[in-house]
Amino acid sequence: MSADSPDRPGVAAIVAELEVRRHVRTAVVVGVVFALAVFVLFAYLPGTDESLLYWTGLTFVLASAVVGLVATVLVGHAAYRRTLEVNDIDPGRRSPTTLAIAFGLLGWVLVPVVVTLAFERPNEGFRLVVALLTSGFVVLVVGALGLKLTTALSLTHEWRPFDAAVGAVAYTALVAGPALGCPSGGFCLGTPNTLVAATVGVDPAAVAPAYALVALGGGLLVGIALGFRSVTPPNAFFAGIVATVATLPVVAAATGSPETVRSTALYLPILLGGVAALGSAIVVAVRDASDAE
């Protein structure tokens, strides 16, 4: 091996740098424990007519899926922190977004499980409340992952809490305001769930153009305004997350459908946060280009 050649292949170096093996071992423990807990709670204790081989197969599949999910999150987090270190940014010892992901995943799983064990046949209103609570945890997970991504891409930890909070209030008003009359049968320009349906289904007819213009155009303007105040894209993404959480009760009241609330919670933070972050990123990019000239 020549002096100019690395001591080991690049992939092996990355695996060692990110401690992939250690994270995989941790993921295996979590996956096996979680799958066994599900087996005991839902098959062994209540009893089942299905064969043991059937439940063994399901438990193996569940354990494998959880191992993959946990390993991906742990390795992704390690890569994120390493990216910051390479760019001379102190990642800090405690990350609020990491706590949000952990807390969100815990609530996302536990709330429906606890309710299922406590009530076999909850009524529709109770199911809607459970869906709303669970959706809040979903937004925590999706939003925290998005914040990590936008922070890593922008390579900055310059937080402006006051400006981000003002942007969040403005964005919430733009998304929730036009929908307030919908549950009572009053004037209704549109609701956030129709915006999600139009985006996910690529069906513009699912949402009124005026509502889409207010929600998406307004969010872009909020991001641009934050950018002019030298606020970075993660702050704008945070504003979109807050707007999502604030508008979920509007979706629940307007639709009365747990499934709609859950699907909205999964896609709306990506949509609103992405739009606001885009607006901020445009201004930041233009300003950086001007400074370079």
C-alpha atoms as a PDB file:
ATOM      1  CA  MET A   1       0.000   0.000   0.000  1.00  0.00           C
ATOM      2  CA  SER A   2       1.481   3.365  -1.054  1.00  0.00           C
ATOM      3  CA  ALA A   3       1.922   6.350   1.243  1.00  0.00           C
ATOM      4  CA  ASP A   4      -0.732   8.274  -0.697  1.00  0.00           C
ATOM      5  CA  SER A   5      -3.362   5.538  -0.204  1.00  0.00           C
ATOM      6  CA  PRO A   6      -5.656   5.576   2.804  1.00  0.00           C
ATOM      7  CA  ASP A   7      -5.067   2.984   5.517  1.00  0.00           C
ATOM      8  CA  ARG A   8      -8.519   1.511   4.923  1.00  0.00           C
ATOM      9  CA  PRO A   9     -11.374   1.897   2.453  1.00  0.00           C
ATOM     10  CA  GLY A  10     -13.534   5.020   2.682  1.00  0.00           C
ATOM     11  CA  VAL A  11     -16.679   3.077   3.634  1.00  0.00           C
ATOM     12  CA  ALA A  12     -14.902   1.354   6.505  1.00  0.00           C
ATOM     13  CA  ALA A  13     -13.575   4.705   7.711  1.00  0.00           C
ATOM     14  CA  ILE A  14     -17.059   6.230   7.679  1.00  0.00           C
ATOM     15  CA  VAL A  15     -18.490   3.197   9.511  1.00  0.00           C
ATOM     16  CA  ALA A  16     -15.853   3.584  12.207  1.00  0.00           C
ATOM     17  CA  GLU A  17     -16.213   7.380  12.367  1.00  0.00           C
ATOM     18  CA  LEU A  18     -19.988   7.217  12.896  1.00  0.00           C
ATOM     19  CA  GLU A  19     -19.794   4.193  15.223  1.00  0.00           C
ATOM     20  CA  VAL A  20     -22.280   2.350  13.044  1.00  0.00           C
ATOM     21  CA  ARG A  21     -21.677  -1.043  14.685  1.00  0.00           C
ATOM     22  CA  ARG A  22     -22.419   0.314  18.164  1.00  0.00           C
ATOM     23  CA  HIS A  23     -25.600   1.998  16.949  1.00  0.00           C
ATOM     24  CA  VAL A  24     -26.738  -1.199  15.223  1.00  0.00           C
ATOM     25  CA  ARG A  25     -26.191  -3.193  18.422  1.00  0.00           C
ATOM     26  CA  THR A  26     -28.287  -0.662  20.327  1.00  0.00           C
ATOM     27  CA  ALA A  27     -30.990  -0.842  17.649  1.00  0.00           C
ATOM     28  CA  VAL A  28     -31.078  -4.649  17.853  1.00  0.00           C
ATOM     29  CA  VAL A  29     -31.670  -4.524  21.602  1.00  0.00           C
ATOM     30  CA  VAL A  30     -34.445  -1.938  21.217  1.00  0.00           C
ATOM     31  CA  GLY A  31     -36.089  -3.834  18.341  1.00  0.00           C
ATOM     32  CA  VAL A  32     -36.079  -7.194  20.101  1.00  0.00           C
ATOM     33  CA  VAL A  33     -37.391  -5.779  23.391  1.00  0.00           C
ATOM     34  CA  PHE A  34     -40.133  -3.806  21.635  1.00  0.00           C
ATOM     35  CA  ALA A  35     -41.242  -6.770  19.508  1.00  0.00           C
ATOM     36  CA  LEU A  36     -41.318  -9.109  22.502  1.00  0.00           C
ATOM     37  CA  ALA A  37     -43.347  -6.551  24.484  1.00  0.00           C
ATOM     38  CA  VAL A  38     -45.899  -6.345  21.661  1.00  0.00           C
ATOM     39  CA  PHE A  39     -46.057 -10.148  21.479  1.00  0.00           C
ATOM     40  CA  VAL A  40     -46.658 -10.472  25.219  1.00  0.00           C
ATOM     41  CA  LEU A  41     -49.248  -7.666  25.402  1.00  0.00           C
ATOM     42  CA  PHE A  42     -51.262  -8.510  22.298  1.00  0.00           C
ATOM     43  CA  ALA A  43     -50.798 -12.269  21.827  1.00  0.00           C
ATOM     44  CA  TYR A  44     -49.591 -14.108  24.910  1.00  0.00           C
ATOM     45  CA  LEU A  45     -51.548 -12.379  27.706  1.00  0.00           C
ATOM     46  CA  PRO A  46     -54.946 -11.967  25.978  1.00  0.00           C
ATOM     47  CA  GLY A  47     -54.602 -15.313  24.165  1.00  0.00           C
ATOM     48  CA  THR A  48     -54.982 -15.908  20.444  1.00  0.00           C
ATOM     49  CA  ASP A  49     -56.357 -18.481  18.017  1.00  0.00           C
ATOM     50  CA  GLU A  50     -53.472 -17.942  15.617  1.00  0.00           C
ATOM     51  CA  SER A  51     -50.563 -20.385  15.525  1.00  0.00           C
ATOM     52  CA  LEU A  52     -47.330 -19.715  17.373  1.00  0.00           C
ATOM     53  CA  LEU A  53     -45.455 -19.845  14.063  1.00  0.00           C
ATOM     54  CA  TYR A  54     -47.653 -17.029  12.720  1.00  0.00           C
ATOM     55  CA  TRP A  55     -46.945 -14.781  15.720  1.00  0.00           C
ATOM     56  CA  THR A  56     -43.236 -15.665  15.619  1.00  0.00           C
ATOM     57  CA  GLY A  57     -43.092 -14.465  12.025  1.00  0.00           C
ATOM     58  CA  LEU A  58     -44.910 -11.223  12.833  1.00  0.00           C
ATOM     59  CA  THR A  59     -42.648 -10.605  15.826  1.00  0.00           C
ATOM     60  CA  PHE A  60     -39.553 -11.125  13.679  1.00  0.00           C
ATOM     61  CA  VAL A  61     -40.815  -8.705  11.024  1.00  0.00           C
ATOM     62  CA  LEU A  62     -41.688  -6.080  13.660  1.00  0.00           C
ATOM     63  CA  ALA A  63     -38.300  -6.470  15.358  1.00  0.00           C
ATOM     64  CA  SER A  64     -36.504  -6.093  12.008  1.00  0.00           C
ATOM     65  CA  ALA A  65     -38.470  -2.957  11.134  1.00  0.00           C
ATOM     66  CA  VAL A  66     -37.793  -1.335  14.520  1.00  0.00           C
ATOM     67  CA  VAL A  67     -34.086  -2.247  14.296  1.00  0.00           C
ATOM     68  CA  GLY A  68     -33.870  -0.563  10.901  1.00  0.00           C
ATOM     69  CA  LEU A  69     -35.722   2.545  12.088  1.00  0.00           C
ATOM     70  CA  VAL A  70     -33.698   2.992  15.292  1.00  0.00           C
ATOM     71  CA  ALA A  71     -30.381   2.311  13.532  1.00  0.00           C
ATOM     72  CA  THR A  72     -31.230   4.858  10.832  1.00  0.00           C
ATOM     73  CA  VAL A  73     -32.119   7.527  13.403  1.00  0.00           C
ATOM     74  CA  LEU A  74     -28.982   6.897  15.496  1.00  0.00           C
ATOM     75  CA  VAL A  75     -26.591   6.841  12.528  1.00  0.00           C
ATOM     76  CA  GLY A  76     -28.302   9.891  11.002  1.00  0.00           C
ATOM     77  CA  HIS A  77     -27.903  11.767  14.278  1.00  0.00           C
ATOM     78  CA  ALA A  78     -24.223  10.817  14.440  1.00  0.00           C
ATOM     79  CA  ALA A  79     -23.721  11.998  10.843  1.00  0.00           C
ATOM     80  CA  TYR A  80     -25.503  15.272  11.638  1.00  0.00           C
ATOM     81  CA  ARG A  81     -23.268  15.987  14.637  1.00  0.00           C
ATOM     82  CA  ARG A  82     -20.152  15.052  12.671  1.00  0.00           C
ATOM     83  CA  THR A  83     -21.181  17.437   9.880  1.00  0.00           C
ATOM     84  CA  LEU A  84     -21.384  20.272  12.391  1.00  0.00           C
ATOM     85  CA  GLU A  85     -18.010  19.395  13.901  1.00  0.00           C
ATOM     86  CA  VAL A  86     -16.310  19.324  10.472  1.00  0.00           C
ATOM     87  CA  ASN A  87     -17.662  22.833   9.842  1.00  0.00           C
ATOM     88  CA  ASP A  88     -16.357  24.047  13.239  1.00  0.00           C
ATOM     89  CA  ILE A  89     -19.830  24.316  14.742  1.00  0.00           C
ATOM     90  CA  ASP A  90     -20.301  23.140  18.298  1.00  0.00           C
ATOM     91  CA  PRO A  91     -23.181  20.636  18.247  1.00  0.00           C
ATOM     92  CA  GLY A  92     -23.669  20.981  21.990  1.00  0.00           C
ATOM     93  CA  ARG A  93     -24.219  18.226  24.516  1.00  0.00           C
ATOM     94  CA  ARG A  94     -27.994  18.442  24.663  1.00  0.00           C
ATOM     95  CA  SER A  95     -30.169  18.819  21.618  1.00  0.00           C
ATOM     96  CA  PRO A  96     -33.812  19.902  22.047  1.00  0.00           C
ATOM     97  CA  THR A  97     -34.622  18.346  18.688  1.00  0.00           C
ATOM     98  CA  THR A  98     -33.256  14.976  19.810  1.00  0.00           C
ATOM     99  CA  LEU A  99     -35.399  15.145  22.948  1.00  0.00           C
ATOM    100  CA  ALA A 100     -38.399  16.083  20.792  1.00  0.00           C
ATOM    101  CA  ILE A 101     -37.821  13.057  18.556  1.00  0.00           C
ATOM    102  CA  ALA A 102     -37.490  10.692  21.514  1.00  0.00           C
ATOM    103  CA  PHE A 103     -40.519  12.150  23.311  1.00  0.00           C
ATOM    104  CA  GLY A 104     -42.539  12.223  20.096  1.00  0.00           C
ATOM    105  CA  LEU A 105     -41.783   8.600  19.210  1.00  0.00           C
ATOM    106  CA  LEU A 106     -42.658   7.521  22.754  1.00  0.00           C
ATOM    107  CA  GLY A 107     -46.000   9.323  22.723  1.00  0.00           C
ATOM    108  CA  TRP A 108     -46.723   8.278  19.127  1.00  0.00           C
ATOM    109  CA  VAL A 109     -46.506   4.625  20.199  1.00  0.00           C
ATOM    110  CA  LEU A 110     -47.813   4.735  23.763  1.00  0.00           C
ATOM    111  CA  VAL A 111     -50.979   6.826  23.416  1.00  0.00           C
ATOM    112  CA  PRO A 112     -52.809   4.470  20.987  1.00  0.00           C
ATOM    113  CA  VAL A 113     -51.503   1.356  22.784  1.00  0.00           C
ATOM    114  CA  VAL A 114     -52.643   2.534  26.215  1.00  0.00           C
ATOM    115  CA  VAL A 115     -56.057   3.538  24.898  1.00  0.00           C
ATOM    116  CA  THR A 116     -56.470   0.209  23.096  1.00  0.00           C
ATOM    117  CA  LEU A 117     -55.639  -1.707  26.260  1.00  0.00           C
ATOM    118  CA  ALA A 118     -57.910   0.455  28.431  1.00  0.00           C
ATOM    119  CA  PHE A 119     -60.929   0.755  26.100  1.00  0.00           C
ATOM    120  CA  GLU A 120     -61.916  -1.910  23.616  1.00  0.00           C
ATOM    121  CA  ARG A 121     -64.505   0.171  21.775  1.00  0.00           C
ATOM    122  CA  PRO A 122     -64.053   3.919  22.334  1.00  0.00           C
ATOM    123  CA  ASN A 123     -66.651   6.220  20.803  1.00  0.00           C
ATOM    124  CA  GLU A 124     -65.912   8.466  17.840  1.00  0.00           C
ATOM    125  CA  GLY A 125     -65.351  11.579  19.921  1.00  0.00           C
ATOM    126  CA  PHE A 126     -62.834   9.805  22.112  1.00  0.00           C
ATOM    127  CA  ARG A 127     -61.060   8.379  19.051  1.00  0.00           C
ATOM    128  CA  LEU A 128     -60.812  11.881  17.658  1.00  0.00           C
ATOM    129  CA  VAL A 129     -59.209  13.163  20.871  1.00  0.00           C
ATOM    130  CA  VAL A 130     -56.737  10.273  20.844  1.00  0.00           C
ATOM    131  CA  ALA A 131     -55.929  10.980  17.189  1.00  0.00           C
ATOM    132  CA  LEU A 132     -55.344  14.644  18.012  1.00  0.00           C
ATOM    133  CA  LEU A 133     -52.979  13.768  20.882  1.00  0.00           C
ATOM    134  CA  THR A 134     -51.138  11.214  18.788  1.00  0.00           C
ATOM    135  CA  SER A 135     -50.868  13.672  15.918  1.00  0.00           C
ATOM    136  CA  GLY A 136     -49.160  16.156  18.197  1.00  0.00           C
ATOM    137  CA  PHE A 137     -46.438  13.588  18.848  1.00  0.00           C
ATOM    138  CA  VAL A 138     -46.223  12.877  15.107  1.00  0.00           C
ATOM    139  CA  VAL A 139     -45.570  16.569  14.464  1.00  0.00           C
ATOM    140  CA  LEU A 140     -42.860  16.548  17.154  1.00  0.00           C
ATOM    141  CA  VAL A 141     -41.042  13.723  15.385  1.00  0.00           C
ATOM    142  CA  VAL A 142     -41.429  15.030  11.837  1.00  0.00           C
ATOM    143  CA  GLY A 143     -40.726  18.620  12.847  1.00  0.00           C
ATOM    144  CA  ALA A 144     -37.623  17.776  14.883  1.00  0.00           C
ATOM    145  CA  LEU A 145     -36.205  15.672  12.039  1.00  0.00           C
ATOM    146  CA  GLY A 146     -36.900  18.545   9.635  1.00  0.00           C
ATOM    147  CA  LEU A 147     -35.201  21.022  11.955  1.00  0.00           C
ATOM    148  CA  LYS A 148     -32.124  18.818  12.085  1.00  0.00           C
ATOM    149  CA  LEU A 149     -32.081  18.588   8.300  1.00  0.00           C
ATOM    150  CA  THR A 150     -32.493  22.315   7.672  1.00  0.00           C
ATOM    151  CA  THR A 151     -29.889  23.125  10.325  1.00  0.00           C
ATOM    152  CA  ALA A 152     -27.408  20.710   8.768  1.00  0.00           C
ATOM    153  CA  LEU A 153     -28.033  22.109   5.280  1.00  0.00           C
ATOM    154  CA  SER A 154     -27.689  25.700   6.404  1.00  0.00           C
ATOM    155  CA  LEU A 155     -24.661  24.833   8.570  1.00  0.00           C
ATOM    156  CA  THR A 156     -25.657  27.270  11.279  1.00  0.00           C
ATOM    157  CA  HIS A 157     -27.046  27.248  14.793  1.00  0.00           C
ATOM    158  CA  GLU A 158     -27.855  30.935  14.885  1.00  0.00           C
ATOM    159  CA  TRP A 159     -31.271  30.882  16.538  1.00  0.00           C
ATOM    160  CA  ARG A 160     -33.482  33.963  16.787  1.00  0.00           C
ATOM    161  CA  PRO A 161     -36.280  32.813  19.140  1.00  0.00           C
ATOM    162  CA  PHE A 162     -38.246  36.065  19.199  1.00  0.00           C
ATOM    163  CA  ASP A 163     -38.296  36.470  15.427  1.00  0.00           C
ATOM    164  CA  ALA A 164     -39.152  32.796  14.951  1.00  0.00           C
ATOM    165  CA  ALA A 165     -42.038  33.113  17.431  1.00  0.00           C
ATOM    166  CA  VAL A 166     -43.429  36.189  15.670  1.00  0.00           C
ATOM    167  CA  GLY A 167     -43.176  34.372  12.340  1.00  0.00           C
ATOM    168  CA  ALA A 168     -44.953  31.352  13.854  1.00  0.00           C
ATOM    169  CA  VAL A 169     -47.873  33.474  15.065  1.00  0.00           C
ATOM    170  CA  ALA A 170     -48.203  35.168  11.681  1.00  0.00           C
ATOM    171  CA  TYR A 171     -48.088  31.868   9.809  1.00  0.00           C
ATOM    172  CA  THR A 172     -50.647  30.297  12.153  1.00  0.00           C
ATOM    173  CA  ALA A 173     -53.050  33.157  11.488  1.00  0.00           C
ATOM    174  CA  LEU A 174     -52.604  32.741   7.734  1.00  0.00           C
ATOM    175  CA  VAL A 175     -53.324  28.992   7.829  1.00  0.00           C
ATOM    176  CA  ALA A 176     -55.969  28.803  10.571  1.00  0.00           C
ATOM    177  CA  GLY A 177     -57.758  32.118  10.084  1.00  0.00           C
ATOM    178  CA  PRO A 178     -59.496  31.327   6.779  1.00  0.00           C
ATOM    179  CA  ALA A 179     -60.656  27.941   8.146  1.00  0.00           C
ATOM    180  CA  LEU A 180     -62.249  29.097  11.404  1.00  0.00           C
ATOM    181  CA  GLY A 181     -65.768  29.324  10.002  1.00  0.00           C
ATOM    182  CA  CYS A 182     -65.696  25.869   8.439  1.00  0.00           C
ATOM    183  CA  PRO A 183     -66.679  23.704  11.461  1.00  0.00           C
ATOM    184  CA  SER A 184     -69.731  25.869  12.223  1.00  0.00           C
ATOM    185  CA  GLY A 185     -70.881  25.973   8.622  1.00  0.00           C
ATOM    186  CA  GLY A 186     -69.971  29.633   8.210  1.00  0.00           C
ATOM    187  CA  PHE A 187     -67.784  31.259   5.599  1.00  0.00           C
ATOM    188  CA  CYS A 188     -65.063  28.776   4.663  1.00  0.00           C
ATOM    189  CA  LEU A 189     -62.160  29.580   2.385  1.00  0.00           C
ATOM    190  CA  GLY A 190     -60.497  26.209   2.990  1.00  0.00           C
ATOM    191  CA  THR A 191     -58.937  23.934   5.591  1.00  0.00           C
ATOM    192  CA  PRO A 192     -55.374  22.658   6.123  1.00  0.00           C
ATOM    193  CA  ASN A 193     -56.370  19.041   5.436  1.00  0.00           C
ATOM    194  CA  THR A 194     -57.612  19.974   1.947  1.00  0.00           C
ATOM    195  CA  LEU A 195     -54.265  21.627   1.329  1.00  0.00           C
ATOM    196  CA  VAL A 196     -52.556  18.378   2.354  1.00  0.00           C
ATOM    197  CA  ALA A 197     -54.891  16.338   0.131  1.00  0.00           C
ATOM    198  CA  ALA A 198     -54.113  18.575  -2.838  1.00  0.00           C
ATOM    199  CA  THR A 199     -50.368  18.338  -2.239  1.00  0.00           C
ATOM    200  CA  VAL A 200     -50.098  14.601  -1.509  1.00  0.00           C
ATOM    201  CA  GLY A 201     -52.590  13.629  -4.205  1.00  0.00           C
ATOM    202  CA  VAL A 202     -51.239  16.218  -6.668  1.00  0.00           C
ATOM    203  CA  ASP A 203     -54.826  17.336  -7.158  1.00  0.00           C
ATOM    204  CA  PRO A 204     -55.223  21.144  -7.272  1.00  0.00           C
ATOM    205  CA  ALA A 205     -59.012  20.751  -7.314  1.00  0.00           C
ATOM    206  CA  ALA A 206     -58.918  19.443  -3.717  1.00  0.00           C
ATOM    207  CA  VAL A 207     -58.277  22.936  -2.331  1.00  0.00           C
ATOM    208  CA  ALA A 208     -59.592  26.390  -3.166  1.00  0.00           C
ATOM    209  CA  PRO A 209     -56.917  28.385  -5.046  1.00  0.00           C
ATOM    210  CA  ALA A 210     -57.533  31.334  -2.724  1.00  0.00           C
ATOM    211  CA  TYR A 211     -56.772  29.248   0.373  1.00  0.00           C
ATOM    212  CA  ALA A 212     -53.666  27.743  -1.206  1.00  0.00           C
ATOM    213  CA  LEU A 213     -52.499  31.254  -2.105  1.00  0.00           C
ATOM    214  CA  VAL A 214     -53.060  32.524   1.436  1.00  0.00           C
ATOM    215  CA  ALA A 215     -51.454  29.529   3.176  1.00  0.00           C
ATOM    216  CA  LEU A 216     -48.531  28.821   0.852  1.00  0.00           C
ATOM    217  CA  GLY A 217     -47.959  32.334  -0.476  1.00  0.00           C
ATOM    218  CA  GLY A 218     -48.300  33.769   3.013  1.00  0.00           C
ATOM    219  CA  GLY A 219     -45.863  31.206   4.391  1.00  0.00           C
ATOM    220  CA  LEU A 220     -43.345  32.099   1.703  1.00  0.00           C
ATOM    221  CA  LEU A 221     -43.699  35.779   2.627  1.00  0.00           C
ATOM    222  CA  VAL A 222     -43.239  34.945   6.317  1.00  0.00           C
ATOM    223  CA  GLY A 223     -40.007  33.138   5.445  1.00  0.00           C
ATOM    224  CA  ILE A 224     -38.834  36.017   3.271  1.00  0.00           C
ATOM    225  CA  ALA A 225     -39.576  38.512   6.061  1.00  0.00           C
ATOM    226  CA  LEU A 226     -37.566  36.389   8.492  1.00  0.00           C
ATOM    227  CA  GLY A 227     -34.734  36.189   5.975  1.00  0.00           C
ATOM    228  CA  PHE A 228     -34.592  39.977   5.703  1.00  0.00           C
ATOM    229  CA  ARG A 229     -34.113  40.032   9.474  1.00  0.00           C
ATOM    230  CA  SER A 230     -31.113  37.694   9.015  1.00  0.00           C
ATOM    231  CA  VAL A 231     -33.071  34.778  10.455  1.00  0.00           C
ATOM    232  CA  THR A 232     -31.832  31.422   9.130  1.00  0.00           C
ATOM    233  CA  PRO A 233     -34.031  28.740   7.462  1.00  0.00           C
ATOM    234  CA  PRO A 234     -34.305  26.525  10.600  1.00  0.00           C
ATOM    235  CA  ASN A 235     -36.094  29.375  12.375  1.00  0.00           C
ATOM    236  CA  ALA A 236     -38.568  29.646   9.503  1.00  0.00           C
ATOM    237  CA  PHE A 237     -39.078  25.875   9.479  1.00  0.00           C
ATOM    238  CA  PHE A 238     -39.863  26.111  13.199  1.00  0.00           C
ATOM    239  CA  ALA A 239     -42.562  28.684  12.404  1.00  0.00           C
ATOM    240  CA  GLY A 240     -44.180  26.169  10.049  1.00  0.00           C
ATOM    241  CA  ILE A 241     -44.118  23.467  12.725  1.00  0.00           C
ATOM    242  CA  VAL A 242     -45.833  25.732  15.245  1.00  0.00           C
ATOM    243  CA  ALA A 243     -48.455  26.653  12.645  1.00  0.00           C
ATOM    244  CA  THR A 244     -49.084  22.945  12.032  1.00  0.00           C
ATOM    245  CA  VAL A 245     -49.642  22.194  15.722  1.00  0.00           C
ATOM    246  CA  ALA A 246     -51.943  25.194  16.096  1.00  0.00           C
ATOM    247  CA  THR A 247     -54.097  24.237  13.103  1.00  0.00           C
ATOM    248  CA  LEU A 248     -54.573  20.552  13.995  1.00  0.00           C
ATOM    249  CA  PRO A 249     -57.546  21.364  16.298  1.00  0.00           C
ATOM    250  CA  VAL A 250     -59.126  23.231  13.366  1.00  0.00           C
ATOM    251  CA  VAL A 251     -58.736  20.110  11.213  1.00  0.00           C
ATOM    252  CA  ALA A 252     -60.239  17.966  13.974  1.00  0.00           C
ATOM    253  CA  ALA A 253     -63.226  20.265  14.390  1.00  0.00           C
ATOM    254  CA  ALA A 254     -63.798  20.674  10.651  1.00  0.00           C
ATOM    255  CA  THR A 255     -63.588  17.002   9.679  1.00  0.00           C
ATOM    256  CA  GLY A 256     -64.389  14.985  12.805  1.00  0.00           C
ATOM    257  CA  SER A 257     -62.219  12.251  11.288  1.00  0.00           C
ATOM    258  CA  PRO A 258     -59.290  10.707  13.213  1.00  0.00           C
ATOM    259  CA  GLU A 259     -57.781   9.422   9.962  1.00  0.00           C
ATOM    260  CA  THR A 260     -57.781  12.912   8.457  1.00  0.00           C
ATOM    261  CA  VAL A 261     -56.171  14.390  11.559  1.00  0.00           C
ATOM    262  CA  ARG A 262     -53.410  11.791  11.538  1.00  0.00           C
ATOM    263  CA  SER A 263     -52.647  12.127   7.822  1.00  0.00           C
ATOM    264  CA  THR A 264     -52.627  15.923   8.122  1.00  0.00           C
ATOM    265  CA  ALA A 265     -50.187  15.714  11.050  1.00  0.00           C
ATOM    266  CA  LEU A 266     -47.834  13.594   8.975  1.00  0.00           C
ATOM    267  CA  TYR A 267     -47.669  15.827   5.898  1.00  0.00           C
ATOM    268  CA  LEU A 268     -48.584  19.351   7.017  1.00  0.00           C
ATOM    269  CA  PRO A 269     -45.364  20.112   8.991  1.00  0.00           C
ATOM    270  CA  ILE A 270     -43.268  19.162   5.947  1.00  0.00           C
ATOM    271  CA  LEU A 271     -45.397  21.380   3.730  1.00  0.00           C
ATOM    272  CA  LEU A 272     -45.641  24.455   5.965  1.00  0.00           C
ATOM    273  CA  GLY A 273     -42.110  24.206   7.350  1.00  0.00           C
ATOM    274  CA  GLY A 274     -40.647  23.655   3.905  1.00  0.00           C
ATOM    275  CA  VAL A 275     -42.420  26.667   2.412  1.00  0.00           C
ATOM    276  CA  ALA A 276     -41.320  29.004   5.207  1.00  0.00           C
ATOM    277  CA  ALA A 277     -37.749  27.670   5.140  1.00  0.00           C
ATOM    278  CA  LEU A 278     -37.665  28.162   1.367  1.00  0.00           C
ATOM    279  CA  GLY A 279     -38.627  31.825   1.720  1.00  0.00           C
ATOM    280  CA  SER A 280     -35.897  32.415   4.281  1.00  0.00           C
ATOM    281  CA  ALA A 281     -33.330  30.456   2.252  1.00  0.00           C
ATOM    282  CA  ILE A 282     -34.011  32.561  -0.860  1.00  0.00           C
ATOM    283  CA  VAL A 283     -33.196  35.791   0.955  1.00  0.00           C
ATOM    284  CA  VAL A 284     -30.153  34.296   2.684  1.00  0.00           C
ATOM    285  CA  ALA A 285     -28.824  32.924  -0.638  1.00  0.00           C
ATOM    286  CA  VAL A 286     -29.342  36.257  -2.436  1.00  0.00           C
ATOM    287  CA  ARG A 287     -27.648  38.113   0.400  1.00  0.00           C
ATOM    288  CA  ASP A 288     -24.690  35.721   0.435  1.00  0.00           C
ATOM    289  CA  ALA A 289     -24.330  36.083  -3.350  1.00  0.00           C
ATOM    290  CA  SER A 290     -24.355  39.873  -3.034  1.00  0.00           C
ATOM    291  CA  ASP A 291     -21.721  39.783  -0.280  1.00  0.00           C
ATOM    292  CA  ALA A 292     -19.528  37.509  -2.429  1.00  0.00           C
ATOM    293  CA  GLU A 293     -19.583  40.058  -5.269  1.00  0.00           C
END
